[in-house]
C-alpha cells in the first residue's frame, strides 16, 4: 500500500452544500436528491458548519422511514440551519494523507470530513470514499 496518498486523490470534489439562509426543508431535499448524509454549510465561500441527515432526524417529530418522502415542514420551520448544524467543524487539508484522514474518522467517530485547501472548501471525504480506496488496493 502506498504510504503518502493525499486526501485530494480519493475525496469527492463535487460539493453539494447549503447556505445559512437555506431552510432545513431545502437541506432535506438535497440529502435525498443526491443520496448524501452530510452537507457543508457555507456563508459566501467560507465553511461555517456541517449538517448531517442525522441532525435532521434528531429534531424531526415525524414517524418516517427511508422510503417516505413526506417532509415535516412544521418542525423544520421551527429551526434554522444555523441552530441545527455543528459549528465547530473538524476539517482536513487536501494535501494531508489518507492515513491522517482515517485516523480522524476513527478517533472522532465521524462519517465525513470537509476537505480544504487553505480556507477554501474543495471537497468532502466520507468513510465510503475511504473504503472504496482500500478496496482498490486489493485489485
N, C-alpha and C. Protein backbone atom coordinates (compact mmCIF):
# COMPACT_ATOMS: atom_id res chain seq x y z
N UNK A 1 0.85 -1.18 0.00
CA UNK A 1 0.00 0.00 0.00
C UNK A 1 0.89 1.24 0.00
N UNK A 2 0.53 2.23 -0.81
CA UNK A 2 1.29 3.47 -0.86
C UNK A 2 1.18 4.18 0.48
N UNK A 3 2.27 4.82 0.88
CA UNK A 3 2.32 5.42 2.20
C UNK A 3 1.78 6.84 2.28
N UNK A 4 2.01 7.65 1.26
CA UNK A 4 1.65 9.07 1.36
C UNK A 4 0.68 9.47 0.25
N UNK A 5 -0.53 8.96 0.32
CA UNK A 5 -1.57 9.29 -0.65
C UNK A 5 -2.35 10.48 -0.11
N UNK A 6 -2.46 11.57 -0.89
CA UNK A 6 -3.19 12.75 -0.39
C UNK A 6 -4.71 12.53 -0.42
N UNK A 7 -5.37 13.14 0.51
CA UNK A 7 -6.83 13.08 0.60
C UNK A 7 -7.48 13.52 -0.71
N UNK A 8 -6.88 14.49 -1.38
CA UNK A 8 -7.46 15.02 -2.62
C UNK A 8 -7.61 13.95 -3.70
N UNK A 9 -6.83 12.87 -3.61
CA UNK A 9 -6.91 11.83 -4.63
C UNK A 9 -8.09 10.88 -4.43
N UNK A 10 -8.72 10.89 -3.26
CA UNK A 10 -9.85 9.97 -3.03
C UNK A 10 -11.13 10.68 -2.62
N UNK A 11 -11.08 11.98 -2.35
CA UNK A 11 -12.26 12.73 -1.91
C UNK A 11 -13.24 12.93 -3.06
N UNK A 12 -14.44 13.30 -2.71
CA UNK A 12 -15.41 13.73 -3.70
C UNK A 12 -15.22 15.22 -3.91
N UNK A 13 -14.89 15.61 -5.14
CA UNK A 13 -14.68 17.03 -5.44
C UNK A 13 -15.98 17.73 -5.81
N UNK A 14 -17.03 16.96 -6.02
CA UNK A 14 -18.34 17.55 -6.28
C UNK A 14 -18.96 17.90 -4.93
N UNK A 15 -19.09 19.18 -4.70
CA UNK A 15 -19.56 19.63 -3.39
C UNK A 15 -21.02 20.06 -3.48
N UNK A 16 -21.84 19.41 -2.68
CA UNK A 16 -23.23 19.83 -2.51
C UNK A 16 -23.26 20.49 -1.14
N UNK A 17 -23.61 21.76 -1.10
CA UNK A 17 -23.59 22.48 0.17
C UNK A 17 -24.88 23.29 0.34
N UNK A 18 -25.05 23.80 1.54
CA UNK A 18 -26.16 24.71 1.83
C UNK A 18 -25.59 25.99 2.41
N UNK A 19 -26.38 27.03 2.28
CA UNK A 19 -26.02 28.32 2.83
C UNK A 19 -26.79 28.51 4.12
N UNK A 20 -26.30 29.37 4.98
CA UNK A 20 -27.01 29.65 6.22
C UNK A 20 -28.44 30.12 5.98
N UNK A 21 -28.69 30.70 4.82
CA UNK A 21 -30.02 31.23 4.53
C UNK A 21 -30.98 30.17 3.99
N UNK A 22 -30.46 28.98 3.64
CA UNK A 22 -31.34 27.91 3.19
C UNK A 22 -32.18 27.39 4.36
N UNK A 23 -33.29 26.74 4.03
CA UNK A 23 -34.14 26.16 5.07
C UNK A 23 -33.75 24.69 5.28
N UNK A 24 -34.21 24.14 6.38
CA UNK A 24 -33.98 22.72 6.64
C UNK A 24 -34.74 21.85 5.64
N UNK A 25 -35.87 22.34 5.16
CA UNK A 25 -36.62 21.62 4.13
C UNK A 25 -35.78 21.52 2.86
N UNK A 26 -35.13 22.63 2.48
CA UNK A 26 -34.26 22.61 1.31
C UNK A 26 -33.08 21.66 1.52
N UNK A 27 -32.54 21.65 2.73
CA UNK A 27 -31.43 20.75 3.04
C UNK A 27 -31.87 19.29 2.91
N UNK A 28 -33.06 18.97 3.43
CA UNK A 28 -33.54 17.60 3.33
C UNK A 28 -33.70 17.17 1.87
N UNK A 29 -34.18 18.08 1.04
CA UNK A 29 -34.33 17.77 -0.38
C UNK A 29 -32.97 17.44 -1.01
N UNK A 30 -31.94 18.18 -0.62
CA UNK A 30 -30.60 17.91 -1.15
C UNK A 30 -30.08 16.56 -0.66
N UNK A 31 -30.30 16.24 0.61
CA UNK A 31 -29.89 14.93 1.13
C UNK A 31 -30.49 13.82 0.28
N UNK A 32 -31.78 13.93 -0.01
CA UNK A 32 -32.47 12.88 -0.76
C UNK A 32 -32.11 12.90 -2.24
N UNK A 33 -32.03 14.08 -2.83
CA UNK A 33 -31.73 14.19 -4.26
C UNK A 33 -30.36 13.63 -4.60
N UNK A 34 -29.37 13.91 -3.76
CA UNK A 34 -28.00 13.47 -4.05
C UNK A 34 -27.59 12.22 -3.28
N UNK A 35 -28.51 11.67 -2.50
CA UNK A 35 -28.25 10.47 -1.71
C UNK A 35 -26.97 10.63 -0.87
N UNK A 36 -26.94 11.71 -0.11
CA UNK A 36 -25.80 12.01 0.75
C UNK A 36 -26.27 12.15 2.19
N UNK A 37 -25.33 12.17 3.10
CA UNK A 37 -25.66 12.23 4.52
C UNK A 37 -25.06 13.44 5.24
N UNK A 38 -24.21 14.22 4.53
CA UNK A 38 -23.55 15.37 5.14
C UNK A 38 -23.53 16.53 4.17
N UNK A 39 -23.87 17.71 4.67
CA UNK A 39 -23.85 18.93 3.86
C UNK A 39 -22.96 19.97 4.54
N UNK A 40 -21.92 20.42 3.86
CA UNK A 40 -21.17 21.56 4.39
C UNK A 40 -22.08 22.79 4.37
N UNK A 41 -21.98 23.60 5.39
CA UNK A 41 -22.75 24.84 5.45
C UNK A 41 -21.78 25.98 5.21
N UNK A 42 -22.11 26.81 4.23
CA UNK A 42 -21.21 27.90 3.85
C UNK A 42 -21.90 29.25 4.00
N UNK A 43 -21.08 30.23 4.21
CA UNK A 43 -21.51 31.63 4.17
C UNK A 43 -20.56 32.29 3.20
N UNK A 44 -21.08 32.62 2.03
CA UNK A 44 -20.18 33.05 0.95
C UNK A 44 -19.37 31.84 0.52
N UNK A 45 -18.05 31.95 0.58
CA UNK A 45 -17.21 30.78 0.27
C UNK A 45 -16.53 30.23 1.51
N UNK A 46 -16.99 30.65 2.69
CA UNK A 46 -16.39 30.22 3.94
C UNK A 46 -17.21 29.09 4.59
N UNK A 47 -16.54 28.02 4.97
CA UNK A 47 -17.18 26.92 5.69
C UNK A 47 -17.49 27.38 7.11
N UNK A 48 -18.78 27.29 7.49
CA UNK A 48 -19.18 27.75 8.82
C UNK A 48 -19.80 26.63 9.66
N UNK A 49 -20.04 25.47 9.04
CA UNK A 49 -20.64 24.37 9.79
C UNK A 49 -20.83 23.16 8.90
N UNK A 50 -21.39 22.13 9.51
CA UNK A 50 -21.74 20.93 8.76
C UNK A 50 -23.07 20.42 9.31
N UNK A 51 -23.93 20.00 8.39
CA UNK A 51 -25.25 19.49 8.75
C UNK A 51 -25.33 18.05 8.29
N UNK A 52 -25.72 17.17 9.18
CA UNK A 52 -25.87 15.77 8.80
C UNK A 52 -27.36 15.41 8.75
N UNK A 53 -27.64 14.38 7.99
CA UNK A 53 -29.03 13.90 7.92
C UNK A 53 -29.49 13.47 9.30
N UNK A 54 -28.59 12.94 10.09
CA UNK A 54 -28.91 12.55 11.46
C UNK A 54 -29.34 13.75 12.29
N UNK A 55 -28.72 14.92 12.04
CA UNK A 55 -29.12 16.14 12.74
C UNK A 55 -30.59 16.45 12.47
N UNK A 56 -31.02 16.25 11.22
CA UNK A 56 -32.43 16.48 10.89
C UNK A 56 -33.34 15.47 11.59
N UNK A 57 -32.91 14.22 11.60
CA UNK A 57 -33.73 13.20 12.24
C UNK A 57 -33.91 13.47 13.73
N UNK A 58 -32.88 14.03 14.35
CA UNK A 58 -32.96 14.32 15.78
C UNK A 58 -34.04 15.34 16.11
N UNK A 59 -34.28 16.29 15.21
CA UNK A 59 -35.28 17.32 15.50
C UNK A 59 -36.66 16.99 14.95
N UNK A 60 -36.71 15.99 14.10
CA UNK A 60 -37.98 15.66 13.46
C UNK A 60 -38.88 14.89 14.41
N UNK A 61 -40.12 15.30 14.44
CA UNK A 61 -41.10 14.58 15.25
C UNK A 61 -41.89 13.60 14.41
N UNK A 62 -41.62 13.62 13.10
CA UNK A 62 -42.37 12.76 12.18
C UNK A 62 -41.91 11.32 12.31
N UNK A 63 -42.83 10.41 12.21
CA UNK A 63 -42.52 8.98 12.22
C UNK A 63 -42.38 8.56 10.77
N UNK A 64 -41.17 8.71 10.22
CA UNK A 64 -40.94 8.42 8.80
C UNK A 64 -39.89 7.34 8.67
N UNK A 65 -39.82 6.77 7.47
CA UNK A 65 -38.75 5.82 7.19
C UNK A 65 -38.03 6.26 5.93
N UNK A 66 -37.01 5.52 5.50
CA UNK A 66 -36.19 5.89 4.36
C UNK A 66 -36.98 6.09 3.07
N UNK A 67 -38.09 5.39 2.90
CA UNK A 67 -38.86 5.47 1.66
C UNK A 67 -39.94 6.54 1.69
N UNK A 68 -40.11 7.20 2.82
CA UNK A 68 -41.16 8.19 2.96
C UNK A 68 -40.65 9.54 2.49
N UNK A 69 -41.35 10.15 1.54
CA UNK A 69 -40.95 11.45 1.01
C UNK A 69 -41.65 12.61 1.70
N UNK A 70 -42.42 12.31 2.74
CA UNK A 70 -43.14 13.36 3.45
C UNK A 70 -42.17 14.13 4.33
N UNK A 71 -42.19 15.44 4.18
CA UNK A 71 -41.33 16.29 4.98
C UNK A 71 -42.17 16.97 6.04
N UNK A 72 -41.75 16.88 7.27
CA UNK A 72 -42.47 17.54 8.34
C UNK A 72 -42.01 19.00 8.38
N UNK A 73 -42.55 19.79 7.46
CA UNK A 73 -42.11 21.18 7.33
C UNK A 73 -42.42 22.01 8.55
N UNK A 74 -43.43 21.64 9.30
CA UNK A 74 -43.75 22.39 10.51
C UNK A 74 -42.59 22.34 11.49
N UNK A 75 -42.04 21.16 11.69
CA UNK A 75 -40.90 21.02 12.60
C UNK A 75 -39.68 21.72 12.02
N UNK A 76 -39.42 21.52 10.73
CA UNK A 76 -38.26 22.14 10.11
C UNK A 76 -38.32 23.66 10.15
N UNK A 77 -39.52 24.21 10.05
CA UNK A 77 -39.66 25.67 10.07
C UNK A 77 -39.45 26.26 11.46
N UNK A 78 -39.39 25.42 12.47
CA UNK A 78 -39.14 25.89 13.83
C UNK A 78 -37.66 26.17 14.08
N UNK A 79 -36.80 25.66 13.21
CA UNK A 79 -35.36 25.78 13.40
C UNK A 79 -34.70 26.33 12.13
N UNK A 80 -33.52 26.90 12.32
CA UNK A 80 -32.71 27.32 11.18
C UNK A 80 -31.55 26.34 11.03
N UNK A 81 -30.92 26.36 9.88
CA UNK A 81 -29.74 25.52 9.68
C UNK A 81 -28.69 25.84 10.73
N UNK A 82 -28.52 27.13 11.02
CA UNK A 82 -27.51 27.54 12.00
C UNK A 82 -27.77 26.95 13.38
N UNK A 83 -29.03 26.79 13.75
CA UNK A 83 -29.37 26.23 15.05
C UNK A 83 -29.09 24.72 15.12
N UNK A 84 -29.15 24.04 14.01
CA UNK A 84 -29.04 22.58 14.00
C UNK A 84 -27.63 22.09 13.63
N UNK A 85 -26.92 22.84 12.82
CA UNK A 85 -25.61 22.40 12.32
C UNK A 85 -24.57 22.32 13.43
N UNK A 86 -23.52 21.57 13.17
CA UNK A 86 -22.34 21.55 14.02
C UNK A 86 -21.49 22.74 13.61
N UNK A 87 -21.15 23.59 14.56
CA UNK A 87 -20.42 24.81 14.24
C UNK A 87 -18.91 24.65 14.32
N UNK A 88 -18.45 23.82 15.21
CA UNK A 88 -17.01 23.61 15.35
C UNK A 88 -16.63 22.39 14.51
N UNK A 89 -16.35 22.66 13.24
CA UNK A 89 -16.11 21.59 12.28
C UNK A 89 -14.64 21.23 12.24
N UNK A 90 -14.38 19.95 12.36
CA UNK A 90 -13.02 19.45 12.16
C UNK A 90 -12.86 19.19 10.67
N UNK A 91 -11.79 19.71 10.10
CA UNK A 91 -11.55 19.59 8.66
C UNK A 91 -10.19 18.94 8.44
N UNK A 92 -9.92 18.68 7.17
CA UNK A 92 -8.61 18.17 6.79
C UNK A 92 -8.17 18.91 5.54
N UNK A 93 -6.89 19.06 5.37
CA UNK A 93 -6.35 19.73 4.19
C UNK A 93 -6.23 18.73 3.04
N UNK A 94 -6.40 19.21 1.82
CA UNK A 94 -6.39 18.36 0.63
C UNK A 94 -5.07 17.60 0.47
N UNK A 95 -3.97 18.18 0.94
CA UNK A 95 -2.67 17.52 0.78
C UNK A 95 -2.30 16.65 1.99
N UNK A 96 -3.17 16.59 3.01
CA UNK A 96 -2.94 15.66 4.12
C UNK A 96 -3.13 14.24 3.62
N UNK A 97 -2.55 13.30 4.33
CA UNK A 97 -2.59 11.91 3.86
C UNK A 97 -3.91 11.22 4.19
N UNK A 98 -4.19 10.20 3.42
CA UNK A 98 -5.37 9.36 3.66
C UNK A 98 -5.27 8.76 5.05
N UNK A 99 -4.09 8.40 5.47
CA UNK A 99 -3.89 7.83 6.81
C UNK A 99 -4.32 8.83 7.89
N UNK A 100 -3.93 10.09 7.72
CA UNK A 100 -4.33 11.12 8.69
C UNK A 100 -5.85 11.27 8.73
N UNK A 101 -6.47 11.24 7.56
CA UNK A 101 -7.93 11.34 7.49
C UNK A 101 -8.59 10.16 8.18
N UNK A 102 -8.08 8.96 7.92
CA UNK A 102 -8.64 7.75 8.54
C UNK A 102 -8.53 7.82 10.06
N UNK A 103 -7.42 8.33 10.55
CA UNK A 103 -7.24 8.45 12.00
C UNK A 103 -8.28 9.39 12.61
N UNK A 104 -8.56 10.50 11.93
CA UNK A 104 -9.58 11.44 12.42
C UNK A 104 -10.95 10.78 12.40
N UNK A 105 -11.29 10.14 11.29
CA UNK A 105 -12.61 9.50 11.16
C UNK A 105 -12.82 8.45 12.26
N UNK A 106 -11.77 7.69 12.55
CA UNK A 106 -11.89 6.63 13.55
C UNK A 106 -11.92 7.19 14.97
N UNK A 107 -10.98 8.08 15.29
CA UNK A 107 -10.90 8.56 16.67
C UNK A 107 -12.07 9.46 17.04
N UNK A 108 -12.60 10.20 16.09
CA UNK A 108 -13.72 11.10 16.36
C UNK A 108 -15.07 10.46 16.07
N UNK A 109 -15.05 9.24 15.52
CA UNK A 109 -16.27 8.53 15.15
C UNK A 109 -17.11 9.34 14.16
N UNK A 110 -16.42 9.95 13.18
CA UNK A 110 -17.08 10.72 12.13
C UNK A 110 -17.33 9.84 10.93
N UNK A 111 -18.23 10.31 10.08
CA UNK A 111 -18.52 9.63 8.82
C UNK A 111 -18.11 10.47 7.62
N UNK A 112 -17.77 11.75 7.87
CA UNK A 112 -17.37 12.64 6.78
C UNK A 112 -16.49 13.77 7.30
N UNK A 113 -15.61 14.23 6.43
CA UNK A 113 -14.73 15.36 6.74
C UNK A 113 -14.72 16.34 5.57
N UNK A 114 -14.97 17.62 5.84
CA UNK A 114 -14.78 18.61 4.79
C UNK A 114 -13.28 18.72 4.48
N UNK A 115 -12.97 18.86 3.20
CA UNK A 115 -11.58 18.96 2.76
C UNK A 115 -11.34 20.39 2.28
N UNK A 116 -10.28 21.00 2.81
CA UNK A 116 -9.96 22.38 2.48
C UNK A 116 -8.61 22.48 1.78
N UNK A 117 -8.46 23.54 0.99
CA UNK A 117 -7.16 23.99 0.51
C UNK A 117 -7.01 25.37 1.12
N UNK A 118 -6.19 25.46 2.15
CA UNK A 118 -6.15 26.69 2.94
C UNK A 118 -7.45 26.81 3.69
N UNK A 119 -8.24 27.82 3.33
CA UNK A 119 -9.54 28.01 3.97
C UNK A 119 -10.70 27.78 3.01
N UNK A 120 -10.38 27.32 1.80
CA UNK A 120 -11.39 27.12 0.76
C UNK A 120 -11.85 25.66 0.74
N UNK A 121 -13.15 25.45 0.79
CA UNK A 121 -13.73 24.12 0.72
C UNK A 121 -13.56 23.56 -0.69
N UNK A 122 -12.89 22.40 -0.82
CA UNK A 122 -12.64 21.82 -2.14
C UNK A 122 -13.22 20.43 -2.30
N UNK A 123 -13.74 19.85 -1.23
CA UNK A 123 -14.31 18.51 -1.34
C UNK A 123 -14.80 17.98 -0.01
N UNK A 124 -15.31 16.76 -0.09
CA UNK A 124 -15.75 16.04 1.11
C UNK A 124 -15.14 14.65 1.05
N UNK A 125 -14.67 14.18 2.17
CA UNK A 125 -14.16 12.82 2.29
C UNK A 125 -15.09 12.05 3.22
N UNK A 126 -15.61 10.94 2.75
CA UNK A 126 -16.50 10.13 3.58
C UNK A 126 -15.87 8.77 3.86
N UNK A 127 -16.44 8.07 4.80
CA UNK A 127 -15.95 6.72 5.07
C UNK A 127 -16.13 5.83 3.85
N UNK A 128 -17.15 6.10 3.05
CA UNK A 128 -17.35 5.34 1.80
C UNK A 128 -16.19 5.58 0.84
N UNK A 129 -15.73 6.82 0.72
CA UNK A 129 -14.56 7.12 -0.12
C UNK A 129 -13.35 6.34 0.35
N UNK A 130 -13.18 6.31 1.66
CA UNK A 130 -12.03 5.61 2.24
C UNK A 130 -12.12 4.10 1.99
N UNK A 131 -13.28 3.52 2.15
CA UNK A 131 -13.46 2.08 1.92
C UNK A 131 -13.23 1.74 0.45
N UNK A 132 -13.74 2.58 -0.46
CA UNK A 132 -13.51 2.35 -1.90
C UNK A 132 -12.02 2.37 -2.21
N UNK A 133 -11.30 3.31 -1.61
CA UNK A 133 -9.84 3.39 -1.80
C UNK A 133 -9.18 2.10 -1.31
N UNK A 134 -9.56 1.66 -0.13
CA UNK A 134 -8.95 0.44 0.43
C UNK A 134 -9.26 -0.78 -0.44
N UNK A 135 -10.47 -0.87 -0.95
CA UNK A 135 -10.84 -2.00 -1.81
C UNK A 135 -9.99 -2.02 -3.09
N UNK A 136 -9.68 -0.86 -3.64
CA UNK A 136 -8.83 -0.79 -4.84
C UNK A 136 -7.44 -1.32 -4.58
N UNK A 137 -7.00 -1.27 -3.35
CA UNK A 137 -5.66 -1.78 -3.01
C UNK A 137 -5.57 -3.30 -3.17
N UNK A 138 -6.73 -3.97 -3.20
CA UNK A 138 -6.77 -5.42 -3.32
C UNK A 138 -7.00 -5.89 -4.75
N UNK A 139 -7.18 -4.96 -5.69
CA UNK A 139 -7.38 -5.34 -7.09
C UNK A 139 -6.07 -5.71 -7.76
